Structure formats: structure tokens, C-alpha cells
């Protein structure tokens, strides 16, 4: 996933620190480069924003979407999709 790769690349270039928000991945530096070469943070497969939580509880980050229905929980296509790092 492009977001996960960009998050890891960001951390590699910032002493292991992850961004506080996904917007930092599309922000251009003084040379015009960004971790994601996109005009804005991509949306999930259902056209909604991804949820991101920076470092907390000894996890570098959590990245998730609420599935097709946009509600917490669910089954099948409505299941939440979460990626948490250890």
C-alpha cells in the first residue's frame, strides 16, 4: 500500500519518527519533493478518508478505514480494515 510505504520512508528520513498526520506525506519540501507524489492524501476504496493515529501506546502508528458501510465494525465488505504496527 502506498500510504504504508510513504509512512515508513518518512520515518527512515526522520530518525524513526512517524508523522503526526497523513497530510505531512503530501506536503512538499523546499525541493518540491513529497513522500507521496499526489496533490492530496488518497482516499480509501469507498471514497472516504483513511484514519491515522500517530505514535501511541508504544505503536509507531495505526492506519485504518471503516469498510464499505463507513461504520465501526461490520462483516465482509463492511469490516473495518486496520493496519497497526508493533
Protein backbone atom coordinates (compact mmCIF):
# COMPACT_ATOMS: atom_id res chain seq x y z
CA UNK A 1 0.00 0.00 0.00
CA UNK A 2 1.40 3.40 -0.97
CA UNK A 3 0.43 5.03 2.35
CA UNK A 4 2.30 2.43 4.39
CA UNK A 5 5.39 2.73 2.20
CA UNK A 6 5.30 6.52 2.48
CA UNK A 7 4.93 6.30 6.27
CA UNK A 8 7.96 4.01 6.52
CA UNK A 9 10.00 6.22 4.18
CA UNK A 10 9.08 9.27 6.26
CA UNK A 11 10.23 7.51 9.45
CA UNK A 12 13.51 6.44 7.83
CA UNK A 13 14.24 10.06 6.92
CA UNK A 14 13.15 11.46 10.28
CA UNK A 15 15.09 9.47 12.85
CA UNK A 16 12.40 6.80 13.23
CA UNK A 17 9.66 9.33 13.97
CA UNK A 18 6.36 8.92 12.14
CA UNK A 19 4.32 11.94 11.03
CA UNK A 20 1.63 13.38 13.25
CA UNK A 21 -0.82 13.38 10.32
CA UNK A 22 -1.13 11.96 6.80
CA UNK A 23 -1.00 15.44 5.29
CA UNK A 24 2.73 15.50 6.01
CA UNK A 25 3.16 12.79 3.37
CA UNK A 26 1.91 15.03 0.55
CA UNK A 27 3.49 18.27 1.82
CA UNK A 28 6.26 19.46 -0.50
CA UNK A 29 9.71 20.21 0.86
CA UNK A 30 11.92 23.07 -0.29
CA UNK A 31 12.91 21.00 -3.35
CA UNK A 32 9.31 20.19 -4.29
CA UNK A 33 9.57 16.54 -3.20
CA UNK A 34 6.98 14.70 -1.10
CA UNK A 35 6.66 11.20 0.35
CA UNK A 36 3.51 10.72 -1.74
CA UNK A 37 3.65 12.40 -5.14
CA UNK A 38 -0.05 13.26 -5.07
CA UNK A 39 -1.97 16.54 -4.71
CA UNK A 40 -3.76 15.19 -1.61
CA UNK A 41 -3.88 12.17 0.68
CA UNK A 42 -5.55 9.28 -1.18
CA UNK A 43 -9.00 8.09 -0.14
CA UNK A 44 -9.97 4.55 0.82
CA UNK A 45 -11.58 2.27 -1.81
CA UNK A 46 -15.01 3.70 -0.87
CA UNK A 47 -14.03 7.32 -1.42
CA UNK A 48 -13.57 8.27 2.23
CA UNK A 49 -10.54 9.43 4.13
CA UNK A 50 -8.24 7.00 5.89
CA UNK A 51 -7.96 7.34 9.64
CA UNK A 52 -4.46 7.66 11.02
CA UNK A 53 -3.16 7.74 14.55
CA UNK A 54 0.46 8.64 15.05
CA UNK A 55 2.63 7.16 17.78
CA UNK A 56 0.71 5.97 20.84
CA UNK A 57 0.80 3.06 23.28
CA UNK A 58 4.28 2.15 22.02
CA UNK A 59 2.96 1.64 18.45
CA UNK A 60 4.54 3.79 15.73
CA UNK A 61 1.17 4.27 14.01
CA UNK A 62 -2.27 2.88 13.17
CA UNK A 63 -3.90 3.25 9.76
CA UNK A 64 -7.49 2.17 9.17
CA UNK A 65 -10.69 2.56 7.19
CA UNK A 66 -14.24 1.73 8.25
CA UNK A 67 -15.09 -0.52 5.30
CA UNK A 68 -17.86 -0.21 2.74
CA UNK A 69 -20.55 0.96 5.18
CA UNK A 70 -18.40 3.67 6.81
CA UNK A 71 -19.41 2.46 10.28
CA UNK A 72 -17.34 0.93 13.06
CA UNK A 73 -17.35 -2.87 12.95
CA UNK A 74 -19.15 -4.83 10.30
CA UNK A 75 -18.82 -8.11 8.42
CA UNK A 76 -17.47 -8.87 4.96
CA UNK A 77 -17.07 -5.74 2.82
CA UNK A 78 -18.36 -3.69 5.77
CA UNK A 79 -15.46 -4.86 8.01
CA UNK A 80 -13.01 -2.29 9.27
CA UNK A 81 -9.56 -2.62 7.71
CA UNK A 82 -6.78 -1.83 10.17
CA UNK A 83 -3.01 -1.85 9.97
CA UNK A 84 -1.25 -1.40 13.27
CA UNK A 85 2.47 -1.63 13.70
CA UNK A 86 4.15 -3.29 16.63
